[in-house]
């Protein structure tokens, strides 16, 4: 499971860095390395781009996993270099940006947009697997999430537009409910296709989300 990101436009990055001429760059050795948005190659490319904007890059690092406790140790290791910078440019997911903000006394600017949590189906192709909606129905839908796998997010499908197992919105995409039908049939649980799922309760986990493990 990986957090899928894409790089912001250089115009947006330059706008965020307005008035901040000294930058320290942080990448991530896990998700953004896999998605080629924040690995070593991308960090070095960003360094060149910033220098072309007349920014001074005080240093850079690629933290093994930017969203966990390793971040604090890495920040300490590069403490002085980070202090020499006016800000940190984070080529990490939003969780990495949040984590860096806990340990850095400089503005932390995201260089990436966080898209979704996904699984790699084939090399380089990622599919959203979970929308973290707070009410999981995978037990009734044979492991296929209708919230993220159906273009319309239908909880009771399929719609009238499915055609030979393909989605009417994206004809290259398998219909989520056709997949659910196939899997339930193979498992001998096809009657579950007629099980009514109530409309999604968007207040199952009120925002801002938080929980306590006792």
N, C-alpha and C. Protein backbone atom coordinates (compact mmCIF):
# COMPACT_ATOMS: atom_id res chain seq x y z
N UNK A 1 0.85 -1.19 0.00
CA UNK A 1 0.00 0.00 0.00
C UNK A 1 0.88 1.24 0.00
N UNK A 2 0.61 2.16 -0.90
CA UNK A 2 1.43 3.36 -1.03
C UNK A 2 0.55 4.61 -1.08
N UNK A 3 1.11 5.72 -0.59
CA UNK A 3 0.47 7.01 -0.74
C UNK A 3 0.88 7.58 -2.10
N UNK A 4 -0.11 7.88 -2.94
CA UNK A 4 0.18 8.31 -4.30
C UNK A 4 0.17 9.83 -4.36
N UNK A 5 1.23 10.37 -4.92
CA UNK A 5 1.39 11.83 -5.00
C UNK A 5 1.74 12.26 -6.42
N UNK A 6 1.57 13.54 -6.68
CA UNK A 6 2.05 14.13 -7.93
C UNK A 6 2.72 15.45 -7.59
N UNK A 7 3.67 15.84 -8.40
CA UNK A 7 4.40 17.08 -8.12
C UNK A 7 3.56 18.29 -8.48
N UNK A 8 3.60 19.29 -7.61
CA UNK A 8 2.94 20.55 -7.91
C UNK A 8 3.64 21.23 -9.09
N UNK A 9 2.96 22.14 -9.72
CA UNK A 9 3.59 22.89 -10.81
C UNK A 9 4.72 23.74 -10.25
N UNK A 10 5.71 23.99 -11.08
CA UNK A 10 6.84 24.82 -10.63
C UNK A 10 6.37 26.24 -10.29
N UNK A 11 5.33 26.70 -10.98
CA UNK A 11 4.80 28.03 -10.67
C UNK A 11 4.26 28.08 -9.25
N UNK A 12 3.53 27.01 -8.85
CA UNK A 12 2.98 26.98 -7.50
C UNK A 12 4.09 26.87 -6.46
N UNK A 13 5.09 26.05 -6.75
CA UNK A 13 6.22 25.91 -5.82
C UNK A 13 6.95 27.24 -5.67
N UNK A 14 7.16 27.93 -6.79
CA UNK A 14 7.85 29.22 -6.73
C UNK A 14 7.02 30.23 -5.94
N UNK A 15 5.69 30.17 -6.10
CA UNK A 15 4.82 31.09 -5.36
C UNK A 15 4.90 30.83 -3.86
N UNK A 16 4.95 29.55 -3.47
CA UNK A 16 5.07 29.21 -2.05
C UNK A 16 6.38 29.72 -1.46
N UNK A 17 7.42 29.71 -2.30
CA UNK A 17 8.75 30.07 -1.82
C UNK A 17 9.06 31.55 -1.97
N UNK A 18 8.07 32.34 -2.34
CA UNK A 18 8.29 33.79 -2.50
C UNK A 18 8.81 34.38 -1.19
N UNK A 19 9.93 35.07 -1.29
CA UNK A 19 10.54 35.68 -0.11
C UNK A 19 11.40 34.74 0.70
N UNK A 20 11.46 33.49 0.30
CA UNK A 20 12.29 32.49 0.98
C UNK A 20 13.37 32.02 0.01
N UNK A 21 14.57 32.55 0.16
CA UNK A 21 15.62 32.30 -0.81
C UNK A 21 16.56 31.16 -0.45
N UNK A 22 16.47 30.67 0.81
CA UNK A 22 17.33 29.57 1.25
C UNK A 22 16.45 28.36 1.57
N UNK A 23 16.70 27.25 0.90
CA UNK A 23 15.80 26.10 0.96
C UNK A 23 16.57 24.82 1.29
N UNK A 24 15.96 24.00 2.15
CA UNK A 24 16.46 22.64 2.41
C UNK A 24 15.40 21.69 1.86
N UNK A 25 15.82 20.69 1.08
CA UNK A 25 14.87 19.78 0.42
C UNK A 25 14.85 18.44 1.13
N UNK A 26 13.64 17.92 1.36
CA UNK A 26 13.47 16.60 1.97
C UNK A 26 12.64 15.72 1.04
N UNK A 27 13.17 14.53 0.73
CA UNK A 27 12.42 13.53 -0.02
C UNK A 27 12.11 12.35 0.87
N UNK A 28 11.44 11.36 0.32
CA UNK A 28 11.06 10.17 1.08
C UNK A 28 11.49 8.92 0.35
N UNK A 29 12.11 7.99 1.09
CA UNK A 29 12.62 6.77 0.48
C UNK A 29 11.59 5.68 0.29
N UNK A 30 10.35 5.96 0.67
CA UNK A 30 9.32 4.93 0.57
C UNK A 30 8.35 5.27 -0.57
N UNK A 31 7.22 5.88 -0.24
CA UNK A 31 6.17 6.07 -1.24
C UNK A 31 6.59 6.98 -2.40
N UNK A 32 7.15 8.16 -2.10
CA UNK A 32 7.44 9.08 -3.20
C UNK A 32 8.64 8.64 -4.02
N UNK A 33 9.46 7.75 -3.47
CA UNK A 33 10.51 7.15 -4.29
C UNK A 33 9.89 6.18 -5.29
N UNK A 34 8.92 5.38 -4.82
CA UNK A 34 8.25 4.42 -5.70
C UNK A 34 7.47 5.13 -6.80
N UNK A 35 6.80 6.23 -6.46
CA UNK A 35 6.00 6.96 -7.44
C UNK A 35 6.83 7.98 -8.24
N UNK A 36 8.12 8.05 -7.96
CA UNK A 36 9.05 8.92 -8.68
C UNK A 36 8.65 10.39 -8.57
N UNK A 37 8.25 10.76 -7.35
CA UNK A 37 7.91 12.16 -7.09
C UNK A 37 8.78 12.78 -6.00
N UNK A 38 9.55 11.92 -5.28
CA UNK A 38 10.36 12.47 -4.19
C UNK A 38 11.53 11.59 -3.81
N UNK A 39 12.04 10.82 -4.77
CA UNK A 39 13.24 10.02 -4.53
C UNK A 39 14.49 10.85 -4.79
N UNK A 40 15.64 10.20 -4.74
CA UNK A 40 16.91 10.93 -4.91
C UNK A 40 16.96 11.66 -6.24
N UNK A 41 16.57 10.99 -7.33
CA UNK A 41 16.64 11.63 -8.64
C UNK A 41 15.75 12.88 -8.71
N UNK A 42 14.56 12.77 -8.14
CA UNK A 42 13.64 13.90 -8.19
C UNK A 42 14.10 15.05 -7.29
N UNK A 43 14.69 14.70 -6.13
CA UNK A 43 15.21 15.72 -5.23
C UNK A 43 16.35 16.49 -5.90
N UNK A 44 17.25 15.77 -6.56
CA UNK A 44 18.36 16.43 -7.25
C UNK A 44 17.87 17.28 -8.42
N UNK A 45 16.84 16.80 -9.11
CA UNK A 45 16.26 17.60 -10.19
C UNK A 45 15.62 18.87 -9.62
N UNK A 46 14.93 18.73 -8.49
CA UNK A 46 14.32 19.90 -7.86
C UNK A 46 15.39 20.89 -7.42
N UNK A 47 16.50 20.38 -6.92
CA UNK A 47 17.61 21.25 -6.51
C UNK A 47 18.06 22.13 -7.69
N UNK A 48 18.20 21.53 -8.86
CA UNK A 48 18.60 22.28 -10.04
C UNK A 48 17.55 23.33 -10.41
N UNK A 49 16.28 22.93 -10.32
CA UNK A 49 15.20 23.85 -10.66
C UNK A 49 15.19 25.05 -9.71
N UNK A 50 15.39 24.79 -8.43
CA UNK A 50 15.41 25.88 -7.46
C UNK A 50 16.58 26.83 -7.70
N UNK A 51 17.70 26.26 -8.03
CA UNK A 51 18.87 27.09 -8.31
C UNK A 51 18.65 27.95 -9.54
N UNK A 52 17.89 27.43 -10.50
CA UNK A 52 17.53 28.23 -11.67
C UNK A 52 16.60 29.37 -11.29
N UNK A 53 15.88 29.21 -10.17
CA UNK A 53 15.02 30.28 -9.65
C UNK A 53 15.80 31.25 -8.76
N UNK A 54 17.13 31.07 -8.71
CA UNK A 54 18.00 31.88 -7.86
C UNK A 54 17.79 31.61 -6.38
N UNK A 55 17.39 30.38 -6.05
CA UNK A 55 17.30 29.94 -4.66
C UNK A 55 18.61 29.28 -4.29
N UNK A 56 18.98 29.42 -3.02
CA UNK A 56 20.17 28.73 -2.51
C UNK A 56 19.72 27.51 -1.73
N UNK A 57 20.16 26.34 -2.17
CA UNK A 57 19.80 25.08 -1.50
C UNK A 57 20.88 24.75 -0.48
N UNK A 58 20.53 24.86 0.80
CA UNK A 58 21.52 24.63 1.85
C UNK A 58 21.87 23.15 1.99
N UNK A 59 20.97 22.27 1.56
CA UNK A 59 21.22 20.83 1.63
C UNK A 59 19.97 20.06 1.28
N UNK A 60 20.10 18.75 1.28
CA UNK A 60 18.95 17.90 0.99
C UNK A 60 19.15 16.53 1.62
N UNK A 61 18.06 15.82 1.79
CA UNK A 61 18.12 14.44 2.28
C UNK A 61 16.88 13.70 1.82
N UNK A 62 17.00 12.38 1.76
CA UNK A 62 15.86 11.52 1.49
C UNK A 62 15.68 10.63 2.72
N UNK A 63 14.66 10.94 3.52
CA UNK A 63 14.40 10.20 4.75
C UNK A 63 13.80 8.84 4.40
N UNK A 64 14.25 7.76 5.03
CA UNK A 64 13.74 6.42 4.68
C UNK A 64 12.22 6.35 4.63
N UNK A 65 11.56 6.83 5.68
CA UNK A 65 10.09 6.91 5.70
C UNK A 65 9.72 8.22 6.38
N UNK A 66 9.35 9.19 5.57
CA UNK A 66 9.21 10.55 6.09
C UNK A 66 8.05 10.73 7.06
N UNK A 67 7.11 9.78 7.09
CA UNK A 67 5.94 9.97 7.95
C UNK A 67 6.07 9.28 9.30
N UNK A 68 7.23 8.68 9.61
CA UNK A 68 7.35 8.02 10.91
C UNK A 68 8.43 8.67 11.77
N UNK A 69 8.78 8.01 12.87
CA UNK A 69 9.67 8.60 13.86
C UNK A 69 11.09 8.83 13.35
N UNK A 70 11.47 8.16 12.26
CA UNK A 70 12.81 8.34 11.70
C UNK A 70 13.03 9.80 11.32
N UNK A 71 11.96 10.48 11.00
CA UNK A 71 12.05 11.89 10.59
C UNK A 71 12.75 12.73 11.64
N UNK A 72 12.41 12.51 12.90
CA UNK A 72 13.01 13.32 13.98
C UNK A 72 14.52 13.14 14.03
N UNK A 73 14.99 11.89 13.89
CA UNK A 73 16.42 11.62 13.93
C UNK A 73 17.13 12.27 12.74
N UNK A 74 16.50 12.22 11.57
CA UNK A 74 17.10 12.81 10.38
C UNK A 74 17.16 14.33 10.50
N UNK A 75 16.12 14.92 11.06
CA UNK A 75 16.10 16.36 11.25
C UNK A 75 17.23 16.78 12.17
N UNK A 76 17.47 15.99 13.23
CA UNK A 76 18.57 16.30 14.15
C UNK A 76 19.92 16.21 13.44
N UNK A 77 20.06 15.20 12.58
CA UNK A 77 21.33 15.01 11.87
C UNK A 77 21.65 16.21 10.98
N UNK A 78 20.62 16.78 10.36
CA UNK A 78 20.82 17.91 9.46
C UNK A 78 20.42 19.23 10.12
N UNK A 79 20.42 19.24 11.44
CA UNK A 79 19.94 20.39 12.19
C UNK A 79 20.50 21.72 11.74
N UNK A 80 21.83 21.83 11.68
CA UNK A 80 22.45 23.11 11.34
C UNK A 80 22.16 23.49 9.89
N UNK A 81 22.18 22.50 9.01
CA UNK A 81 21.93 22.77 7.59
C UNK A 81 20.50 23.27 7.38
N UNK A 82 19.57 22.69 8.15
CA UNK A 82 18.18 23.14 8.08
C UNK A 82 18.04 24.55 8.65
N UNK A 83 18.78 24.82 9.74
CA UNK A 83 18.74 26.16 10.32
C UNK A 83 19.32 27.20 9.38
N UNK A 84 20.25 26.77 8.52
CA UNK A 84 20.83 27.69 7.54
C UNK A 84 19.84 28.04 6.44
N UNK A 85 18.75 27.26 6.35
CA UNK A 85 17.74 27.51 5.33
C UNK A 85 16.59 28.32 5.92
N UNK A 86 15.87 29.01 5.06
CA UNK A 86 14.72 29.76 5.53
C UNK A 86 13.46 28.92 5.56
N UNK A 87 13.49 27.77 4.87
CA UNK A 87 12.32 26.90 4.84
C UNK A 87 12.74 25.50 4.40
N UNK A 88 11.81 24.57 4.52
CA UNK A 88 12.02 23.20 4.05
C UNK A 88 11.01 22.93 2.94
N UNK A 89 11.48 22.40 1.83
CA UNK A 89 10.60 21.98 0.74
C UNK A 89 10.45 20.46 0.83
N UNK A 90 9.24 20.01 1.12
CA UNK A 90 9.00 18.59 1.38
C UNK A 90 8.48 17.88 0.14
N UNK A 91 9.29 16.97 -0.40
CA UNK A 91 8.86 16.13 -1.52
C UNK A 91 8.37 14.81 -0.93
N UNK A 92 7.35 14.94 -0.08
CA UNK A 92 6.76 13.81 0.64
C UNK A 92 5.25 13.92 0.52
N UNK A 93 4.57 12.91 1.03
CA UNK A 93 3.11 13.01 1.09
C UNK A 93 2.74 14.01 2.19
N UNK A 94 1.45 14.28 2.33
CA UNK A 94 0.99 15.25 3.34
C UNK A 94 1.35 14.79 4.75
N UNK A 95 1.40 13.47 4.98
CA UNK A 95 1.79 12.97 6.30
C UNK A 95 3.23 13.35 6.61
N UNK A 96 4.08 13.29 5.60
CA UNK A 96 5.47 13.69 5.81
C UNK A 96 5.59 15.17 6.12
N UNK A 97 4.78 15.98 5.43
CA UNK A 97 4.78 17.42 5.70
C UNK A 97 4.35 17.67 7.15
N UNK A 98 3.30 16.98 7.56
CA UNK A 98 2.83 17.11 8.95
C UNK A 98 3.92 16.72 9.94
N UNK A 99 4.59 15.59 9.68
CA UNK A 99 5.63 15.10 10.59
C UNK A 99 6.78 16.08 10.66
N UNK A 100 7.20 16.61 9.53
CA UNK A 100 8.31 17.56 9.52
C UNK A 100 7.97 18.81 10.33
N UNK A 101 6.72 19.23 10.25
CA UNK A 101 6.31 20.41 11.00
C UNK A 101 6.43 20.23 12.51
N UNK A 102 6.43 18.98 12.97
CA UNK A 102 6.57 18.71 14.39
C UNK A 102 7.99 18.96 14.88
N UNK A 103 8.96 18.84 13.98
CA UNK A 103 10.36 18.86 14.41
C UNK A 103 11.18 20.01 13.82
N UNK A 104 10.60 20.76 12.90
CA UNK A 104 11.34 21.83 12.23
C UNK A 104 10.75 23.18 12.60
N UNK A 105 11.62 24.11 12.97
CA UNK A 105 11.13 25.45 13.34
C UNK A 105 11.19 26.40 12.16
N UNK A 106 11.07 25.87 10.96
CA UNK A 106 11.05 26.64 9.74
C UNK A 106 9.76 26.32 8.98
N UNK A 107 9.30 27.19 8.11
CA UNK A 107 8.14 26.84 7.29
C UNK A 107 8.42 25.59 6.46
N UNK A 108 7.46 24.67 6.43
CA UNK A 108 7.59 23.45 5.62
C UNK A 108 6.59 23.55 4.47
N UNK A 109 7.11 23.59 3.24
CA UNK A 109 6.28 23.77 2.07
C UNK A 109 6.13 22.45 1.31
N UNK A 110 4.91 22.05 0.98
CA UNK A 110 4.74 20.82 0.22
C UNK A 110 5.05 21.03 -1.26
N UNK A 111 5.89 20.17 -1.80
CA UNK A 111 6.18 20.22 -3.24
C UNK A 111 5.26 19.28 -4.01
N UNK A 112 4.48 18.47 -3.27
CA UNK A 112 3.63 17.47 -3.91
C UNK A 112 2.19 17.62 -3.45
N UNK A 113 1.28 17.13 -4.28
CA UNK A 113 -0.13 16.98 -3.90
C UNK A 113 -0.38 15.51 -3.60
N UNK A 114 -1.01 15.22 -2.47
CA UNK A 114 -1.32 13.85 -2.09
C UNK A 114 -2.65 13.46 -2.72
N UNK A 115 -2.64 12.39 -3.50
CA UNK A 115 -3.80 12.00 -4.29
C UNK A 115 -4.67 10.96 -3.59
N UNK A 116 -4.07 9.81 -3.24
CA UNK A 116 -4.84 8.73 -2.63
C UNK A 116 -3.90 7.65 -2.13
N UNK A 117 -4.48 6.69 -1.37
CA UNK A 117 -3.75 5.51 -0.94
C UNK A 117 -4.08 4.40 -1.92
N UNK A 118 -3.06 3.77 -2.48
CA UNK A 118 -3.33 2.78 -3.52
C UNK A 118 -2.41 1.58 -3.48
N UNK A 119 -2.75 0.61 -4.32
CA UNK A 119 -1.94 -0.59 -4.47
C UNK A 119 -1.38 -0.61 -5.89
N UNK A 120 -0.21 -1.21 -6.03
CA UNK A 120 0.43 -1.31 -7.34
C UNK A 120 -0.07 -2.57 -8.02
N UNK A 121 -0.86 -2.41 -9.09
CA UNK A 121 -1.40 -3.55 -9.81
C UNK A 121 -0.37 -4.15 -10.76
N UNK A 122 0.29 -3.29 -11.49
CA UNK A 122 1.39 -3.67 -12.37
C UNK A 122 2.47 -2.62 -12.17
N UNK A 123 3.72 -2.91 -12.55
CA UNK A 123 4.79 -1.93 -12.32
C UNK A 123 4.43 -0.54 -12.84
N UNK A 124 4.38 0.42 -11.91
CA UNK A 124 4.11 1.80 -12.28
C UNK A 124 2.64 2.17 -12.38
N UNK A 125 1.74 1.21 -12.20
CA UNK A 125 0.30 1.50 -12.27
C UNK A 125 -0.33 1.27 -10.90
N UNK A 126 -0.88 2.35 -10.34
CA UNK A 126 -1.45 2.29 -9.00
C UNK A 126 -2.96 2.50 -9.05
N UNK A 127 -3.66 1.78 -8.21
CA UNK A 127 -5.12 1.89 -8.13
C UNK A 127 -5.53 2.21 -6.71
N UNK A 128 -6.43 3.19 -6.56
CA UNK A 128 -6.93 3.53 -5.23
C UNK A 128 -7.65 2.33 -4.64
N UNK A 129 -7.32 1.99 -3.41
CA UNK A 129 -7.88 0.80 -2.78
C UNK A 129 -8.77 1.13 -1.59
N UNK A 130 -8.55 2.27 -0.96
CA UNK A 130 -9.30 2.59 0.25
C UNK A 130 -9.49 4.10 0.36
N UNK A 131 -10.74 4.51 0.61
CA UNK A 131 -11.02 5.92 0.79
C UNK A 131 -11.09 6.32 2.25
N UNK A 132 -10.80 5.35 3.15
CA UNK A 132 -10.82 5.61 4.60
C UNK A 132 -12.11 6.29 5.01
N UNK A 133 -13.24 5.71 4.60
CA UNK A 133 -14.54 6.32 4.82
C UNK A 133 -15.09 6.08 6.23
N UNK A 134 -14.52 5.14 6.96
CA UNK A 134 -14.97 4.88 8.32
C UNK A 134 -16.09 3.86 8.43
N UNK A 135 -16.54 3.29 7.30
CA UNK A 135 -17.58 2.26 7.33
C UNK A 135 -17.30 1.26 6.22
N UNK A 136 -16.56 0.21 6.55
CA UNK A 136 -16.06 -0.73 5.55
C UNK A 136 -17.11 -1.78 5.20
N UNK A 137 -17.32 -1.98 3.89
CA UNK A 137 -18.30 -2.98 3.43
C UNK A 137 -17.61 -4.09 2.62
N UNK A 138 -16.30 -4.19 2.72
CA UNK A 138 -15.56 -5.16 1.90
C UNK A 138 -16.01 -6.60 2.14
N UNK A 139 -16.52 -6.87 3.34
CA UNK A 139 -17.00 -8.23 3.62
C UNK A 139 -18.17 -8.61 2.75
N UNK A 140 -19.03 -7.65 2.41
CA UNK A 140 -20.20 -7.92 1.58
C UNK A 140 -19.92 -7.72 0.09
N UNK A 141 -18.78 -7.09 -0.24
CA UNK A 141 -18.49 -6.79 -1.65
C UNK A 141 -17.24 -7.53 -2.14
N UNK A 142 -16.90 -8.61 -1.46
CA UNK A 142 -15.81 -9.50 -1.89
C UNK A 142 -14.48 -8.77 -2.06
N UNK A 143 -14.23 -7.80 -1.20
CA UNK A 143 -12.93 -7.13 -1.22
C UNK A 143 -12.79 -6.03 -2.24
N UNK A 144 -13.86 -5.72 -2.97
CA UNK A 144 -13.83 -4.61 -3.94
C UNK A 144 -14.60 -3.45 -3.33
N UNK A 145 -13.94 -2.31 -3.13
CA UNK A 145 -14.59 -1.17 -2.49
C UNK A 145 -15.39 -0.36 -3.51
N UNK A 146 -16.72 -0.33 -3.38
CA UNK A 146 -17.51 0.45 -4.34
C UNK A 146 -17.32 1.95 -4.19
N UNK A 147 -16.88 2.41 -3.04
CA UNK A 147 -16.69 3.84 -2.82
C UNK A 147 -15.60 4.38 -3.74
N UNK A 148 -14.50 3.64 -3.87
CA UNK A 148 -13.37 4.14 -4.66
C UNK A 148 -13.21 3.43 -6.00
N UNK A 149 -13.82 2.25 -6.16
CA UNK A 149 -13.65 1.50 -7.40
C UNK A 149 -14.73 1.78 -8.43
N UNK A 150 -15.84 2.39 -8.00
CA UNK A 150 -16.93 2.77 -8.90
C UNK A 150 -16.83 4.27 -9.16
N UNK A 151 -16.85 4.68 -10.42
CA UNK A 151 -16.75 6.10 -10.75
C UNK A 151 -17.84 6.92 -10.07
N UNK A 152 -19.01 6.30 -9.87
CA UNK A 152 -20.13 7.01 -9.27
C UNK A 152 -20.25 6.75 -7.77
N UNK A 153 -19.36 5.91 -7.24
CA UNK A 153 -19.39 5.62 -5.80
C UNK A 153 -20.67 4.95 -5.37
N UNK A 154 -21.26 4.15 -6.26
CA UNK A 154 -22.54 3.52 -5.96
C UNK A 154 -22.41 2.43 -4.89
N UNK A 155 -23.24 2.51 -3.87
CA UNK A 155 -23.24 1.50 -2.82
C UNK A 155 -24.15 0.33 -3.16
N UNK A 156 -25.04 0.53 -4.14
CA UNK A 156 -25.94 -0.54 -4.60
C UNK A 156 -25.93 -0.51 -6.12
N UNK A 157 -25.17 -1.40 -6.69
CA UNK A 157 -24.99 -1.33 -8.14
C UNK A 157 -25.31 -2.65 -8.80
N UNK A 158 -25.02 -2.76 -10.08
CA UNK A 158 -24.40 -1.72 -10.92
C UNK A 158 -25.42 -0.73 -11.44
N UNK A 159 -24.93 0.35 -12.08
CA UNK A 159 -25.82 1.32 -12.69
C UNK A 159 -26.28 0.77 -14.05
N UNK A 160 -27.11 1.52 -14.73
CA UNK A 160 -27.63 1.04 -16.01
C UNK A 160 -26.66 1.21 -17.16
N UNK A 161 -25.52 1.82 -16.89
CA UNK A 161 -24.60 2.09 -18.00
C UNK A 161 -23.50 1.08 -18.18
N UNK A 162 -23.39 0.11 -17.25
CA UNK A 162 -22.33 -0.88 -17.40
C UNK A 162 -22.54 -1.70 -18.67
N UNK A 163 -21.48 -1.99 -19.38
CA UNK A 163 -21.57 -2.65 -20.68
C UNK A 163 -20.48 -3.70 -20.81
N UNK A 164 -20.88 -4.96 -20.83
CA UNK A 164 -19.92 -6.07 -20.93
C UNK A 164 -18.81 -5.95 -19.88
N UNK A 165 -19.23 -5.60 -18.68
CA UNK A 165 -18.29 -5.55 -17.56
C UNK A 165 -17.42 -4.32 -17.52
N UNK A 166 -17.68 -3.33 -18.37
CA UNK A 166 -16.89 -2.11 -18.38
C UNK A 166 -17.73 -0.92 -17.91
N UNK A 167 -17.04 0.10 -17.41
CA UNK A 167 -17.69 1.29 -16.86
C UNK A 167 -18.09 2.24 -17.99
N UNK A 168 -19.28 2.84 -17.87
CA UNK A 168 -19.71 3.77 -18.92
C UNK A 168 -18.94 5.08 -18.88
N UNK A 169 -18.39 5.43 -17.71
CA UNK A 169 -17.62 6.67 -17.60
C UNK A 169 -16.23 6.51 -18.20
N UNK A 170 -15.61 5.37 -17.93
CA UNK A 170 -14.28 5.06 -18.46
C UNK A 170 -14.33 3.65 -19.03
N UNK A 171 -14.42 3.55 -20.34
CA UNK A 171 -14.61 2.26 -20.99
C UNK A 171 -13.40 1.34 -20.88
N UNK A 172 -12.27 1.89 -20.42
CA UNK A 172 -11.08 1.06 -20.21
C UNK A 172 -11.07 0.46 -18.81
N UNK A 173 -12.02 0.90 -17.99
CA UNK A 173 -12.04 0.51 -16.58
C UNK A 173 -13.11 -0.56 -16.35
N UNK A 174 -12.75 -1.60 -15.58
CA UNK A 174 -13.72 -2.61 -15.22
C UNK A 174 -14.80 -2.02 -14.33
N UNK A 175 -16.04 -2.44 -14.55
CA UNK A 175 -17.13 -2.02 -13.67
C UNK A 175 -16.91 -2.66 -12.30
N UNK A 176 -16.91 -1.85 -11.26
CA UNK A 176 -16.66 -2.36 -9.91
C UNK A 176 -17.69 -3.40 -9.52
N UNK A 177 -18.96 -3.15 -9.88
CA UNK A 177 -20.01 -4.07 -9.48
C UNK A 177 -20.00 -5.35 -10.31
N UNK A 178 -19.46 -5.28 -11.53
CA UNK A 178 -19.26 -6.52 -12.29
C UNK A 178 -18.19 -7.38 -11.61
N UNK A 179 -17.13 -6.72 -11.11
CA UNK A 179 -16.09 -7.45 -10.39
C UNK A 179 -16.64 -8.05 -9.11
N UNK A 180 -17.47 -7.28 -8.40
CA UNK A 180 -18.07 -7.77 -7.16
C UNK A 180 -18.93 -8.99 -7.47
N UNK A 181 -19.71 -8.92 -8.55
CA UNK A 181 -20.57 -10.04 -8.96
C UNK A 181 -19.74 -11.28 -9.23
N UNK A 182 -18.66 -11.12 -9.99
CA UNK A 182 -17.81 -12.27 -10.34
C UNK A 182 -17.20 -12.91 -9.09
N UNK A 183 -16.72 -12.07 -8.19
CA UNK A 183 -16.06 -12.61 -6.99
C UNK A 183 -17.07 -13.29 -6.06
N UNK A 184 -18.24 -12.65 -5.87
CA UNK A 184 -19.26 -13.25 -5.01
C UNK A 184 -19.75 -14.57 -5.59
N UNK A 185 -19.89 -14.61 -6.90
CA UNK A 185 -20.33 -15.85 -7.55
C UNK A 185 -19.30 -16.95 -7.36
N UNK A 186 -18.02 -16.62 -7.51
CA UNK A 186 -16.96 -17.61 -7.33
C UNK A 186 -16.89 -18.10 -5.89
N UNK A 187 -17.30 -17.23 -4.95
CA UNK A 187 -17.26 -17.60 -3.53
C UNK A 187 -18.55 -18.27 -3.06
N UNK A 188 -19.52 -18.40 -3.96
CA UNK A 188 -20.81 -18.98 -3.58
C UNK A 188 -21.63 -18.07 -2.69
N UNK A 189 -21.44 -16.76 -2.82
CA UNK A 189 -22.15 -15.80 -1.97
C UNK A 189 -22.92 -14.79 -2.81
N UNK A 190 -23.37 -15.18 -3.98
CA UNK A 190 -24.01 -14.26 -4.91
C UNK A 190 -25.26 -13.57 -4.34
N UNK A 191 -26.02 -14.19 -3.42
CA UNK A 191 -27.18 -13.49 -2.86
C UNK A 191 -26.84 -12.14 -2.22
N UNK A 192 -25.57 -11.96 -1.84
CA UNK A 192 -25.18 -10.67 -1.24
C UNK A 192 -25.32 -9.52 -2.23
N UNK A 193 -25.38 -9.82 -3.52
CA UNK A 193 -25.57 -8.75 -4.51
C UNK A 193 -26.89 -8.03 -4.28
N UNK A 194 -27.86 -8.72 -3.67
CA UNK A 194 -29.17 -8.12 -3.42
C UNK A 194 -29.26 -7.47 -2.04
N UNK A 195 -28.18 -7.53 -1.30
CA UNK A 195 -28.18 -6.93 0.04
C UNK A 195 -28.14 -5.40 -0.08
N UNK A 196 -29.08 -4.74 0.53
CA UNK A 196 -29.16 -3.28 0.44
C UNK A 196 -28.13 -2.63 1.35
N UNK A 197 -27.37 -1.70 0.78
CA UNK A 197 -26.43 -0.91 1.56
C UNK A 197 -27.01 0.49 1.72
N UNK A 198 -27.22 0.96 2.94
CA UNK A 198 -27.77 2.30 3.14
C UNK A 198 -26.82 3.37 2.62
N UNK A 199 -27.33 4.58 2.36
CA UNK A 199 -26.45 5.67 1.90
C UNK A 199 -25.29 5.86 2.88
N UNK A 200 -24.17 6.26 2.36
CA UNK A 200 -22.99 6.46 3.19
C UNK A 200 -23.26 7.53 4.24
N UNK A 201 -22.86 7.22 5.45
CA UNK A 201 -22.94 8.18 6.54
C UNK A 201 -21.60 8.91 6.62
N UNK A 202 -21.59 10.13 6.15
CA UNK A 202 -20.33 10.89 6.12
C UNK A 202 -19.91 11.38 7.50
N UNK A 203 -20.75 11.14 8.50
CA UNK A 203 -20.42 11.55 9.86
C UNK A 203 -20.03 10.36 10.74
N UNK A 204 -19.73 9.19 10.10
CA UNK A 204 -19.29 8.03 10.89
C UNK A 204 -18.07 8.41 11.73
N UNK A 205 -17.14 9.09 11.09
CA UNK A 205 -15.97 9.60 11.81
C UNK A 205 -15.93 11.11 11.56
N UNK A 206 -16.49 11.91 12.47
CA UNK A 206 -16.54 13.36 12.26
C UNK A 206 -15.14 13.94 12.09
N UNK A 207 -15.06 14.98 11.30
CA UNK A 207 -13.78 15.67 11.14
C UNK A 207 -13.66 16.81 12.14
N UNK A 208 -12.45 17.11 12.60
CA UNK A 208 -11.21 16.41 12.30
C UNK A 208 -11.17 15.04 12.96
N UNK A 209 -10.69 14.04 12.23
CA UNK A 209 -10.70 12.67 12.71
C UNK A 209 -9.65 12.45 13.80
N UNK A 210 -10.03 11.69 14.79
CA UNK A 210 -9.10 11.33 15.86
C UNK A 210 -9.63 10.09 16.55
N UNK A 211 -8.75 9.35 17.18
CA UNK A 211 -9.17 8.18 17.94
C UNK A 211 -8.18 7.93 19.05
N UNK A 212 -8.60 7.16 20.03
CA UNK A 212 -7.72 6.81 21.14
C UNK A 212 -7.74 5.30 21.31
N UNK A 213 -6.55 4.70 21.34
CA UNK A 213 -6.43 3.25 21.54
C UNK A 213 -6.14 3.01 23.02
N UNK A 214 -7.06 2.33 23.71
CA UNK A 214 -6.88 2.12 25.15
C UNK A 214 -6.44 0.69 25.44
